[in-house]
Amino acid sequence: MGKRTKKVGPTRGFGAKYGSAVRKRYIKIVSEMRKPHRCPQCGFTAVKRVSVGVWRCKKCGFTFTGGAYTPTTKLGIVARRLAKGTPKEEAVAKGTR
């Protein structure tokens, strides 16, 4: 009998179920979620997920909200940039270029 590929990683319990595309997507999300992230306050790479959307730095204890699987989302980055206000957007808002 020939050797088979090992089912390792986050999808090890799935077996042959759910299809390869779903398992690959799951691997990408879970591996990104479980790796340590950079703290926005102290800068250390020690942020872990506490629950869905809640993240905590193990070094400084800073607790903050973010995305369900990552501490920052693309939409959150755009919203922060808009709230901060860039000179180009201020000029457009005033009506001058």
C-alpha atoms as a PDB file:
ATOM      1  CA  MET A   1       0.000   0.000   0.000  1.00  0.00           C
ATOM      2  CA  GLY A   2       1.344   3.456  -0.936  1.00  0.00           C
ATOM      3  CA  LYS A   3       2.007   6.334   1.406  1.00  0.00           C
ATOM      4  CA  ARG A   4      -0.619   9.027   1.681  1.00  0.00           C
ATOM      5  CA  THR A   5      -0.265  12.698   2.422  1.00  0.00           C
ATOM      6  CA  LYS A   6      -0.521  13.689   6.062  1.00  0.00           C
ATOM      7  CA  LYS A   7      -3.409  15.850   7.221  1.00  0.00           C
ATOM      8  CA  VAL A   8      -1.625  18.321   9.462  1.00  0.00           C
ATOM      9  CA  GLY A   9      -2.122  21.913  10.481  1.00  0.00           C
ATOM     10  CA  PRO A  10      -5.371  23.584  11.513  1.00  0.00           C
ATOM     11  CA  THR A  11      -7.474  21.273   9.317  1.00  0.00           C
ATOM     12  CA  ARG A  12      -6.142  18.003  10.759  1.00  0.00           C
ATOM     13  CA  GLY A  13      -9.522  17.114  12.251  1.00  0.00           C
ATOM     14  CA  PHE A  14     -11.493  17.698   9.064  1.00  0.00           C
ATOM     15  CA  GLY A  15     -10.296  14.642   7.178  1.00  0.00           C
ATOM     16  CA  ALA A  16     -11.514  14.567   3.584  1.00  0.00           C
ATOM     17  CA  LYS A  17     -14.622  16.588   4.375  1.00  0.00           C
ATOM     18  CA  TYR A  18     -15.677  20.075   3.202  1.00  0.00           C
ATOM     19  CA  GLY A  19     -13.578  20.243   0.009  1.00  0.00           C
ATOM     20  CA  SER A  20     -10.063  21.471  -0.608  1.00  0.00           C
ATOM     21  CA  ALA A  21     -10.957  25.134  -1.279  1.00  0.00           C
ATOM     22  CA  VAL A  22     -12.779  25.490   2.046  1.00  0.00           C
ATOM     23  CA  ARG A  23      -9.931  23.803   3.927  1.00  0.00           C
ATOM     24  CA  LYS A  24      -7.339  26.065   2.276  1.00  0.00           C
ATOM     25  CA  ARG A  25      -9.353  29.165   3.167  1.00  0.00           C
ATOM     26  CA  TYR A  26      -9.688  27.915   6.759  1.00  0.00           C
ATOM     27  CA  ILE A  27      -5.926  27.294   7.008  1.00  0.00           C
ATOM     28  CA  LYS A  28      -5.207  30.841   5.810  1.00  0.00           C
ATOM     29  CA  ILE A  29      -7.596  32.469   8.299  1.00  0.00           C
ATOM     30  CA  VAL A  30      -6.663  30.387  11.349  1.00  0.00           C
ATOM     31  CA  SER A  31      -2.904  30.573  10.824  1.00  0.00           C
ATOM     32  CA  GLU A  32      -3.137  34.374  10.462  1.00  0.00           C
ATOM     33  CA  MET A  33      -5.283  34.595  13.594  1.00  0.00           C
ATOM     34  CA  ARG A  34      -3.013  32.495  15.809  1.00  0.00           C
ATOM     35  CA  LYS A  35       0.288  34.154  14.983  1.00  0.00           C
ATOM     36  CA  PRO A  36       1.450  36.942  17.330  1.00  0.00           C
ATOM     37  CA  HIS A  37       0.645  40.454  16.132  1.00  0.00           C
ATOM     38  CA  ARG A  38       2.215  43.840  16.882  1.00  0.00           C
ATOM     39  CA  CYS A  39       0.757  45.876  19.758  1.00  0.00           C
ATOM     40  CA  PRO A  40      -0.477  49.340  18.713  1.00  0.00           C
ATOM     41  CA  GLN A  41       0.537  50.808  22.078  1.00  0.00           C
ATOM     42  CA  CYS A  42       3.917  49.311  23.055  1.00  0.00           C
ATOM     43  CA  GLY A  43       5.034  47.974  19.656  1.00  0.00           C
ATOM     44  CA  PHE A  44       5.953  44.480  20.847  1.00  0.00           C
ATOM     45  CA  THR A  45       4.842  41.412  18.912  1.00  0.00           C
ATOM     46  CA  ALA A  46       2.757  39.962  21.724  1.00  0.00           C
ATOM     47  CA  VAL A  47      -0.900  40.500  20.780  1.00  0.00           C
ATOM     48  CA  LYS A  48      -3.181  37.475  21.010  1.00  0.00           C
ATOM     49  CA  ARG A  49      -6.911  37.070  20.461  1.00  0.00           C
ATOM     50  CA  VAL A  50      -9.037  36.886  23.618  1.00  0.00           C
ATOM     51  CA  SER A  51     -12.396  36.358  21.905  1.00  0.00           C
ATOM     52  CA  VAL A  52     -14.060  37.357  18.642  1.00  0.00           C
ATOM     53  CA  GLY A  53     -12.886  40.889  17.899  1.00  0.00           C
ATOM     54  CA  VAL A  54     -11.108  41.393  21.256  1.00  0.00           C
ATOM     55  CA  TRP A  55      -7.298  41.448  21.321  1.00  0.00           C
ATOM     56  CA  ARG A  56      -4.840  41.781  24.227  1.00  0.00           C
ATOM     57  CA  CYS A  57      -1.124  42.480  24.425  1.00  0.00           C
ATOM     58  CA  LYS A  58       0.617  40.000  26.709  1.00  0.00           C
ATOM     59  CA  LYS A  59       3.400  42.467  27.527  1.00  0.00           C
ATOM     60  CA  CYS A  60       1.605  45.707  28.424  1.00  0.00           C
ATOM     61  CA  GLY A  61      -1.913  44.331  28.986  1.00  0.00           C
ATOM     62  CA  PHE A  62      -3.488  46.731  26.459  1.00  0.00           C
ATOM     63  CA  THR A  63      -6.898  45.390  25.413  1.00  0.00           C
ATOM     64  CA  PHE A  64      -8.535  46.665  22.241  1.00  0.00           C
ATOM     65  CA  THR A  65     -11.084  45.718  19.614  1.00  0.00           C
ATOM     66  CA  GLY A  66     -10.339  44.801  16.049  1.00  0.00           C
ATOM     67  CA  GLY A  67     -11.421  42.335  13.429  1.00  0.00           C
ATOM     68  CA  ALA A  68     -12.698  38.859  14.157  1.00  0.00           C
ATOM     69  CA  TYR A  69      -9.566  37.155  12.844  1.00  0.00           C
ATOM     70  CA  THR A  70      -6.987  39.979  12.683  1.00  0.00           C
ATOM     71  CA  PRO A  71      -6.411  42.918  15.030  1.00  0.00           C
ATOM     72  CA  THR A  72      -6.759  45.437  12.207  1.00  0.00           C
ATOM     73  CA  THR A  73      -9.060  45.267   9.207  1.00  0.00           C
ATOM     74  CA  LYS A  74      -8.749  46.989   5.844  1.00  0.00           C
ATOM     75  CA  LEU A  75     -11.941  48.934   6.532  1.00  0.00           C
ATOM     76  CA  GLY A  76     -10.604  50.029   9.930  1.00  0.00           C
ATOM     77  CA  ILE A  77      -7.395  51.341   8.363  1.00  0.00           C
ATOM     78  CA  VAL A  78      -9.384  53.361   5.808  1.00  0.00           C
ATOM     79  CA  ALA A  79     -11.712  54.719   8.519  1.00  0.00           C
ATOM     80  CA  ARG A  80      -8.754  55.759  10.700  1.00  0.00           C
ATOM     81  CA  ARG A  81      -7.162  57.539   7.734  1.00  0.00           C
ATOM     82  CA  LEU A  82     -10.413  59.393   6.973  1.00  0.00           C
ATOM     83  CA  ALA A  83     -10.943  60.349  10.618  1.00  0.00           C
ATOM     84  CA  LYS A  84      -7.385  61.657  10.837  1.00  0.00           C
ATOM     85  CA  GLY A  85      -7.907  63.814   7.734  1.00  0.00           C
ATOM     86  CA  THR A  86      -5.252  64.217   5.099  1.00  0.00           C
ATOM     87  CA  PRO A  87      -4.329  67.605   3.569  1.00  0.00           C
ATOM     88  CA  LYS A  88      -5.706  66.566   0.178  1.00  0.00           C
ATOM     89  CA  GLU A  89      -9.120  65.717   1.642  1.00  0.00           C
ATOM     90  CA  GLU A  90      -9.198  68.973   3.636  1.00  0.00           C
ATOM     91  CA  ALA A  91      -8.532  70.969   0.470  1.00  0.00           C
ATOM     92  CA  VAL A  92     -11.330  69.186  -1.354  1.00  0.00           C
ATOM     93  CA  ALA A  93     -13.685  69.794   1.571  1.00  0.00           C
ATOM     94  CA  LYS A  94     -12.902  73.559   1.510  1.00  0.00           C
ATOM     95  CA  GLY A  95     -13.429  73.703  -2.240  1.00  0.00           C
ATOM     96  CA  THR A  96      -9.872  74.640  -3.187  1.00  0.00           C
ATOM     97  CA  ARG A  97      -7.268  72.470  -4.829  1.00  0.00           C
END
